[in-house]
Amino acid sequence: MATATLPVPAQTIVEKKRSFYRPELDVLRFFAFLAVFLYHFNHPAEFYIQHGIPRAIAVVVASLTEGGVFGVDLFFVLSAYLITELLLREKEACGSLDVKGFYLRRILRIWPLYFFAIGLALVPAFNPGHVFNWSYATAFLLLAGNWSIIAYGWPMHSIGGVLWTVSIEEQFYLFWPPVVRKISRNQIAFAAIVMLILSSAMRVAMVLIHGGMNSVWCNTLARLDPIAAGILVAAALRGRIPNFSISTRLGILCCGIVPLALVATRWKIHEPETLKWIPTLVGFPIVAVGCTLILLAALGVSARPHGVLLYLGKISYGLYVYHPLGNLLSSKIIPVHTAFVQLALRPTVALGITVMFAATSYAVLETPFLKLKKRFAHIDSRPV
């Protein structure tokens, strides 16, 4: 006797189409932050060797923590993928794209903490030598902080310098939705390829004019590779989620991480003494590919992430913004420079302070705006 199959309610189908939340990507956000955090506590391999760590392990640890600087590129890939996927889903579900609504959602998510952090960076107690002056602050207030670093140099020891990546993301958020509104899903990949060509051309120009150390690293037009890569992932998957085996995912993950460590330690494209052709032209695309592989290794993991990791991923924006302050305060609390302090105690204290600030900020400063943000959402990107 045939078994009757009940039809899926139309409302359930619509709700599924109008929601897109991947908890594993929240966890990936946390690890992207952790990579950047550990980079700031990196030491040369010789330091570890001098303190009794075997050379092979010391080299691996030093290389991986140095490669953590590309956690910012992983953020770019992840953000570009998510934003593009959400925009495309909204366009397909609603028949059009509400660009104004997108801008309002981004403002409510990014601006409260962003502008608060700029204010903190101007506080004398957190601004040694007043290096973060109003020339920098004005540029950051105009969402162009990365360009101020190219113009004036890095505001050393400032807790506000880390916001340069947020400036780049904001510029992407401003530019991308009107483009997506006008082109089809099939044309998205072409737009991303144009971005890759533009990025390479800008790096060629910077090498030719002997640009300074930050002329590529902080240059939006020269840093489009990871953003374009995230867009290409959204275009290629067409709303689907990869279903790789665990062994395949581990292989993809290793193929993503190893190039980041090698580029960071061999070519040092994040802090070049001078811009050189091969590292500048090849290094950044390699990093973009590596970060894309890390995203693909994580996307679609079926295991339910631990609640703590989910929460840390949820507050990862705050973790990233506040971690320079956590590092600064930890150095004031623990001024001793023994090996144990440098390798274990100070990073642990800094991370604890960072989590405390980020958790408080999320509860008090960010959540009221996030609740308001949901009013303008056409596709839910978080569980109710």
Protein backbone atom coordinates (compact mmCIF):
# COMPACT_ATOMS: atom_id res chain seq x y z
CA MET A 1 0.00 0.00 0.00
CA ALA A 2 1.45 3.37 -1.01
CA THR A 3 2.21 5.81 1.74
CA ALA A 4 0.74 9.26 1.31
CA THR A 5 3.25 12.11 1.37
CA LEU A 6 2.08 15.31 2.94
CA PRO A 7 2.90 18.44 0.93
CA VAL A 8 5.33 20.92 2.46
CA PRO A 9 3.40 24.08 3.39
CA ALA A 10 4.08 26.93 0.98
CA GLN A 11 4.82 29.24 3.92
CA THR A 12 7.64 26.91 5.07
CA ILE A 13 9.22 26.99 1.61
CA VAL A 14 9.04 30.78 1.48
CA GLU A 15 10.55 31.08 4.97
CA LYS A 16 13.41 28.76 3.95
CA LYS A 17 14.14 30.84 0.88
CA ARG A 18 14.04 34.00 2.99
CA SER A 19 16.62 32.81 5.51
CA PHE A 20 20.30 32.03 5.18
CA TYR A 21 22.26 31.30 8.32
CA ARG A 22 25.34 29.09 8.47
CA PRO A 23 26.55 28.64 12.08
CA GLU A 24 29.86 27.20 10.89
CA LEU A 25 30.68 30.58 9.34
CA ASP A 26 30.23 32.28 12.71
CA VAL A 27 32.86 29.88 14.04
CA LEU A 28 35.08 30.67 11.06
CA ARG A 29 34.77 34.37 11.88
CA PHE A 30 36.12 33.69 15.36
CA PHE A 31 39.11 31.77 14.01
CA ALA A 32 39.80 34.58 11.52
CA PHE A 33 39.95 36.95 14.49
CA LEU A 34 42.09 34.51 16.50
CA ALA A 35 44.59 34.30 13.64
CA VAL A 36 44.97 38.10 13.62
CA PHE A 37 45.16 38.17 17.43
CA LEU A 38 47.94 35.57 17.58
CA TYR A 39 49.85 37.36 14.82
CA HIS A 40 50.34 40.29 17.20
CA PHE A 41 52.06 37.93 19.66
CA ASN A 42 54.25 36.28 17.04
CA HIS A 43 57.95 35.66 17.61
CA PRO A 44 60.72 34.52 15.23
CA ALA A 45 61.48 30.81 15.23
CA GLU A 46 64.82 31.51 16.95
CA PHE A 47 62.97 32.90 19.98
CA TYR A 48 61.13 29.61 20.48
CA ILE A 49 64.30 27.59 19.87
CA GLN A 50 66.19 29.60 22.51
CA HIS A 51 63.51 28.64 25.03
CA GLY A 52 63.73 24.91 24.50
CA ILE A 53 61.22 24.30 21.72
CA PRO A 54 62.47 21.89 19.00
CA ARG A 55 63.43 23.64 15.77
CA ALA A 56 60.83 21.88 13.60
CA ILE A 57 58.01 22.84 15.94
CA ALA A 58 59.39 26.37 16.36
CA VAL A 59 59.45 26.94 12.60
CA VAL A 60 55.88 25.67 12.19
CA VAL A 61 54.54 27.77 15.08
CA ALA A 62 56.35 30.92 13.91
CA SER A 63 55.15 30.44 10.32
CA LEU A 64 51.52 29.79 11.26
CA THR A 65 51.31 32.74 13.64
CA GLU A 66 52.98 35.01 11.07
CA GLY A 67 50.44 33.82 8.51
CA GLY A 68 47.71 34.86 10.94
CA VAL A 69 48.05 38.37 9.52
CA PHE A 70 45.96 37.12 6.58
CA GLY A 71 43.02 36.61 8.88
CA VAL A 72 41.94 40.00 7.53
CA ASP A 73 41.83 38.51 4.01
CA LEU A 74 39.72 35.65 5.34
CA PHE A 75 37.32 38.26 6.75
CA PHE A 76 37.18 39.88 3.28
CA VAL A 77 36.43 36.57 1.52
CA LEU A 78 33.81 35.61 4.09
CA SER A 79 32.09 39.00 4.04
CA ALA A 80 32.03 39.19 0.25
CA TYR A 81 30.57 35.68 -0.02
CA LEU A 82 27.87 36.29 2.60
CA ILE A 83 26.90 39.73 1.36
CA THR A 84 26.70 38.57 -2.26
CA GLU A 85 24.70 35.47 -1.36
CA LEU A 86 22.25 37.47 0.77
CA LEU A 87 21.82 40.12 -1.94
CA LEU A 88 21.18 37.49 -4.60
CA ARG A 89 18.70 35.63 -2.40
CA GLU A 90 16.84 38.85 -1.66
CA LYS A 91 16.74 39.75 -5.34
CA GLU A 92 15.38 36.31 -6.29
CA ALA A 93 12.89 36.08 -3.43
CA CYS A 94 11.55 39.63 -3.68
CA GLY A 95 11.99 40.29 -7.40
CA SER A 96 14.15 43.34 -6.69
CA LEU A 97 16.90 44.55 -4.41
CA ASP A 98 16.27 47.06 -1.63
CA VAL A 99 19.57 48.93 -1.73
CA LYS A 100 18.45 51.53 0.78
CA GLY A 101 17.43 48.77 3.18
CA PHE A 102 20.84 47.13 2.75
CA TYR A 103 22.60 50.38 3.59
CA LEU A 104 20.47 50.82 6.70
CA ARG A 105 21.25 47.27 7.86
CA ARG A 106 24.99 47.80 7.39
CA ILE A 107 24.86 51.15 9.17
CA LEU A 108 23.05 49.64 12.15
CA ARG A 109 25.50 46.71 12.29
CA ILE A 110 28.82 48.47 11.66
CA TRP A 111 28.61 52.12 12.61
CA PRO A 112 27.80 52.08 16.37
CA LEU A 113 30.92 50.11 17.29
CA TYR A 114 33.03 51.63 14.52
CA PHE A 115 32.48 55.24 15.60
CA PHE A 116 32.70 54.33 19.28
CA ALA A 117 36.11 52.75 18.60
CA ILE A 118 37.29 55.90 16.83
CA GLY A 119 36.31 57.87 19.93
CA LEU A 120 38.23 55.44 22.16
CA ALA A 121 41.30 55.78 19.94
CA LEU A 122 41.31 59.54 20.60
CA VAL A 123 41.25 59.14 24.40
CA PRO A 124 44.73 60.22 25.63
CA ALA A 125 45.11 57.19 27.92
CA PHE A 126 44.66 54.88 24.92
CA ASN A 127 46.59 57.05 22.48
CA PRO A 128 50.29 56.97 23.39
CA GLY A 129 52.11 59.98 21.98
CA HIS A 130 48.82 61.20 20.46
CA VAL A 131 49.74 59.37 17.26
CA PHE A 132 46.07 58.93 16.34
CA ASN A 133 45.45 62.60 15.61
CA TRP A 134 42.55 64.36 13.92
CA SER A 135 44.06 63.84 10.47
CA TYR A 136 43.59 60.11 10.96
CA ALA A 137 40.31 60.44 12.85
CA THR A 138 38.72 62.58 10.14
CA ALA A 139 39.61 60.05 7.46
CA PHE A 140 38.25 57.18 9.54
CA LEU A 141 35.06 59.13 10.27
CA LEU A 142 34.62 59.44 6.50
CA LEU A 143 35.12 55.65 6.13
CA ALA A 144 38.46 56.23 4.42
CA GLY A 145 40.86 55.35 7.22
CA ASN A 146 42.88 52.97 5.04
CA TRP A 147 43.76 55.83 2.69
CA SER A 148 44.98 57.95 5.63
CA ILE A 149 47.47 55.20 6.49
CA ILE A 150 48.79 55.29 2.93
CA ALA A 151 49.04 59.09 3.12
CA TYR A 152 50.47 59.56 6.63
CA GLY A 153 51.97 56.20 7.56
CA TRP A 154 50.84 53.74 10.21
CA PRO A 155 49.62 55.25 13.52
CA MET A 156 51.96 53.06 15.57
CA HIS A 157 50.64 51.72 18.88
CA SER A 158 47.20 53.21 18.20
CA ILE A 159 44.20 51.06 19.03
CA GLY A 160 42.39 52.67 16.08
CA GLY A 161 44.70 51.52 13.29
CA VAL A 162 42.96 48.14 13.09
CA LEU A 163 39.85 49.88 11.72
CA TRP A 164 41.46 50.22 8.28
CA THR A 165 39.94 46.88 7.27
CA VAL A 166 36.47 48.06 8.31
CA SER A 167 36.97 51.11 6.07
CA ILE A 168 37.69 48.83 3.11
CA GLU A 169 34.63 46.69 3.84
CA GLU A 170 32.44 49.78 4.12
CA GLN A 171 33.66 50.99 0.74
CA PHE A 172 32.77 47.58 -0.71
CA TYR A 173 29.32 47.70 0.93
CA LEU A 174 28.71 51.11 -0.63
CA PHE A 175 29.72 50.03 -4.12
CA TRP A 176 28.46 46.46 -4.50
CA PRO A 177 24.64 46.47 -3.94
CA PRO A 178 23.84 48.88 -6.83
CA VAL A 179 25.95 46.65 -9.09
CA VAL A 180 24.15 43.47 -7.99
CA ARG A 181 20.78 45.18 -8.50
CA LYS A 182 21.58 45.83 -12.18
CA ILE A 183 23.20 42.56 -13.22
CA SER A 184 22.10 38.92 -13.25
CA ARG A 185 23.53 36.10 -11.17
CA ASN A 186 25.33 34.87 -14.29
CA GLN A 187 27.03 38.26 -14.68
CA ILE A 188 28.25 38.32 -11.08
CA ALA A 189 31.29 36.20 -11.93
CA PHE A 190 32.24 38.55 -14.76
CA ALA A 191 32.11 41.52 -12.37
CA ALA A 192 34.38 39.67 -9.95
CA ILE A 193 36.89 38.93 -12.73
CA VAL A 194 36.93 42.63 -13.62
CA MET A 195 37.73 43.35 -9.96
CA LEU A 196 40.64 40.88 -10.09
CA ILE A 197 42.04 42.56 -13.20
CA LEU A 198 41.68 46.01 -11.61
CA SER A 199 43.42 44.82 -8.44
CA SER A 200 46.37 43.40 -10.38
CA ALA A 201 46.65 46.56 -12.47
CA MET A 202 46.74 48.70 -9.33
CA ARG A 203 49.53 46.58 -7.84
CA VAL A 204 51.52 46.90 -11.07
CA ALA A 205 51.10 50.67 -10.84
CA MET A 206 52.26 50.73 -7.23
CA VAL A 207 55.39 48.74 -8.08
CA LEU A 208 56.16 50.99 -11.05
CA ILE A 209 55.92 54.19 -8.97
CA HIS A 210 57.83 52.59 -6.06
CA GLY A 211 54.89 52.91 -3.69
CA GLY A 212 55.51 52.80 0.04
CA MET A 213 55.03 49.87 2.40
CA ASN A 214 51.29 50.50 2.85
CA SER A 215 50.52 51.52 -0.73
CA VAL A 216 49.28 48.02 -1.56
CA TRP A 217 48.43 46.52 1.83
CA CYS A 218 45.94 49.28 2.72
CA ASN A 219 44.87 50.18 -0.82
CA THR A 220 41.25 49.20 -1.50
CA LEU A 221 41.81 48.95 -5.25
CA ALA A 222 44.87 46.72 -4.76
CA ARG A 223 43.13 44.48 -2.21
CA LEU A 224 40.12 43.37 -4.22
CA ASP A 225 41.36 39.78 -4.70
CA PRO A 226 39.80 38.27 -1.53
CA ILE A 227 36.61 40.27 -2.08
CA ALA A 228 36.36 39.07 -5.68
CA ALA A 229 37.11 35.52 -4.52
CA GLY A 230 34.20 35.59 -2.08
CA ILE A 231 31.92 36.87 -4.84
CA LEU A 232 33.09 34.08 -7.15
CA VAL A 233 32.25 31.47 -4.51
CA ALA A 234 28.70 32.82 -4.25
CA ALA A 235 28.39 32.90 -8.05
CA ALA A 236 29.80 29.37 -8.51
CA LEU A 237 27.75 27.68 -5.78
CA ARG A 238 24.49 29.33 -6.94
CA GLY A 239 22.94 29.03 -3.49
CA ARG A 240 24.12 25.46 -2.90
CA ILE A 241 26.25 24.33 0.04
CA PRO A 242 29.27 21.99 -0.53
CA ASN A 243 28.86 18.45 0.78
CA PHE A 244 32.48 17.36 1.21
CA SER A 245 33.63 14.47 3.37
CA ILE A 246 35.60 15.25 6.52
CA SER A 247 38.84 13.98 4.96
CA THR A 248 38.30 16.15 1.88
CA ARG A 249 37.61 19.17 4.08
CA LEU A 250 40.81 18.60 6.06
CA GLY A 251 42.78 18.36 2.83
CA ILE A 252 41.24 21.57 1.50
CA LEU A 253 41.92 23.28 4.83
CA CYS A 254 45.60 22.31 4.77
CA CYS A 255 45.90 23.49 1.15
CA GLY A 256 44.47 26.81 2.30
CA ILE A 257 46.55 27.37 5.42
CA VAL A 258 50.00 26.33 4.17
CA PRO A 259 50.25 28.98 1.39
CA LEU A 260 49.34 31.73 3.88
CA ALA A 261 52.19 30.72 6.17
CA LEU A 262 54.65 30.49 3.28
CA VAL A 263 53.69 33.86 1.76
CA ALA A 264 53.86 35.56 5.16
CA THR A 265 57.29 34.19 6.07
CA ARG A 266 58.99 34.13 2.65
CA TRP A 267 57.61 37.19 0.89
CA LYS A 268 56.27 39.26 3.82
CA ILE A 269 53.81 41.11 1.58
CA HIS A 270 52.18 42.57 4.70
CA GLU A 271 55.34 44.48 5.66
CA PRO A 272 57.63 44.74 2.61
CA GLU A 273 60.78 46.82 2.77
CA THR A 274 60.22 47.58 -0.93
CA LEU A 275 57.58 46.42 -3.38
CA LYS A 276 58.94 43.59 -5.50
CA TRP A 277 57.31 42.25 -8.65
CA ILE A 278 56.74 38.57 -7.89
CA PRO A 279 55.67 38.84 -4.23
CA THR A 280 53.40 41.81 -4.96
CA LEU A 281 51.75 40.43 -8.10
CA VAL A 282 51.58 36.76 -7.10
CA GLY A 283 51.46 36.83 -3.30
CA PHE A 284 48.09 38.54 -2.92
CA PRO A 285 46.24 36.21 -5.35
CA ILE A 286 47.78 33.21 -3.57
CA VAL A 287 46.50 34.52 -0.25
CA ALA A 288 43.04 35.05 -1.74
CA VAL A 289 42.98 31.47 -3.04
CA GLY A 290 44.19 30.14 0.31
CA CYS A 291 41.46 32.00 2.20
CA THR A 292 38.86 30.80 -0.31
CA LEU A 293 39.91 27.21 0.30
CA ILE A 294 39.55 27.75 4.06
CA LEU A 295 36.03 29.10 3.48
CA LEU A 296 35.11 26.09 1.32
CA ALA A 297 36.54 23.70 3.91
CA ALA A 298 34.26 25.21 6.57
CA LEU A 299 31.12 25.89 4.52
CA GLY A 300 28.64 23.08 4.95
CA VAL A 301 30.22 21.36 7.97
CA SER A 302 27.32 19.39 9.39
CA ALA A 303 28.48 19.08 13.00
CA ARG A 304 26.75 21.50 15.34
CA PRO A 305 29.36 23.99 16.62
CA HIS A 306 29.85 24.31 20.37
CA GLY A 307 27.80 27.10 21.92
CA VAL A 308 30.89 28.95 23.13
CA LEU A 309 32.40 29.04 19.63
CA LEU A 310 29.08 30.23 18.19
CA TYR A 311 28.93 33.03 20.74
CA LEU A 312 32.54 34.06 20.11
CA GLY A 313 31.80 34.10 16.40
CA LYS A 314 28.73 36.24 17.02
CA ILE A 315 30.83 38.85 18.83
CA SER A 316 33.83 38.50 16.49
CA TYR A 317 33.42 42.04 15.13
CA GLY A 318 33.89 43.37 18.64
CA LEU A 319 36.75 40.97 19.30
CA TYR A 320 38.56 42.28 16.26
CA VAL A 321 37.92 45.95 17.07
CA TYR A 322 38.83 45.71 20.78
CA HIS A 323 41.84 43.38 20.59
CA PRO A 324 44.43 46.22 20.25
CA LEU A 325 42.99 47.69 23.46
CA GLY A 326 43.22 44.28 25.15
CA ASN A 327 46.84 43.98 24.02
CA LEU A 328 47.65 47.48 25.30
CA LEU A 329 46.07 46.92 28.70
CA SER A 330 47.72 43.52 29.12
CA SER A 331 51.14 45.12 28.60
CA LYS A 332 50.31 47.68 31.30
CA ILE A 333 49.06 45.03 33.72
CA ILE A 334 51.99 42.64 33.06
CA PRO A 335 55.09 44.70 32.17
CA VAL A 336 57.51 41.81 32.77
CA HIS A 337 59.16 40.36 29.63
CA THR A 338 60.06 36.80 30.64
CA ALA A 339 59.51 33.98 28.14
CA PHE A 340 56.49 32.62 30.05
CA VAL A 341 54.89 36.07 30.10
CA GLN A 342 55.44 36.65 26.39
CA LEU A 343 54.40 33.17 25.24
CA ALA A 344 51.46 32.43 27.52
CA LEU A 345 50.46 34.86 30.24
CA ARG A 346 50.18 38.13 28.33
CA PRO A 347 48.29 36.64 25.33
CA THR A 348 45.88 34.90 27.73
CA VAL A 349 45.24 38.10 29.69
CA ALA A 350 44.89 40.14 26.49
CA LEU A 351 42.37 37.65 25.09
CA GLY A 352 40.40 37.67 28.33
CA ILE A 353 40.23 41.48 28.35
CA THR A 354 39.24 41.49 24.67
CA VAL A 355 36.42 38.99 25.20
CA MET A 356 35.17 40.99 28.20
CA PHE A 357 35.06 44.25 26.21
CA ALA A 358 33.50 42.59 23.16
CA ALA A 359 30.82 40.80 25.18
CA THR A 360 29.90 43.98 27.05
CA SER A 361 29.88 45.98 23.85
CA TYR A 362 27.67 43.43 22.10
CA ALA A 363 25.15 43.40 24.95
CA VAL A 364 25.05 47.13 25.66
CA LEU A 365 26.09 48.98 22.51
CA GLU A 366 25.41 46.69 19.54
CA THR A 367 22.32 44.63 20.40
CA PRO A 368 19.83 47.55 20.48
CA PHE A 369 20.88 48.47 16.93
CA LEU A 370 20.83 44.83 15.81
CA LYS A 371 17.22 44.50 16.96
CA LEU A 372 16.36 47.56 14.91
CA LYS A 373 18.32 46.16 11.97
CA LYS A 374 15.99 43.16 11.68
CA ARG A 375 13.14 45.50 10.71
CA PHE A 376 14.90 46.19 7.41
CA ALA A 377 15.90 42.57 6.67
CA HIS A 378 14.31 40.74 3.73
CA ILE A 379 16.50 37.63 4.21
CA ASP A 380 17.16 36.49 7.77
CA SER A 381 20.86 35.87 8.28
CA ARG A 382 20.59 34.81 11.92
CA PRO A 383 18.20 32.48 13.77
CA VAL A 384 15.25 34.13 15.48
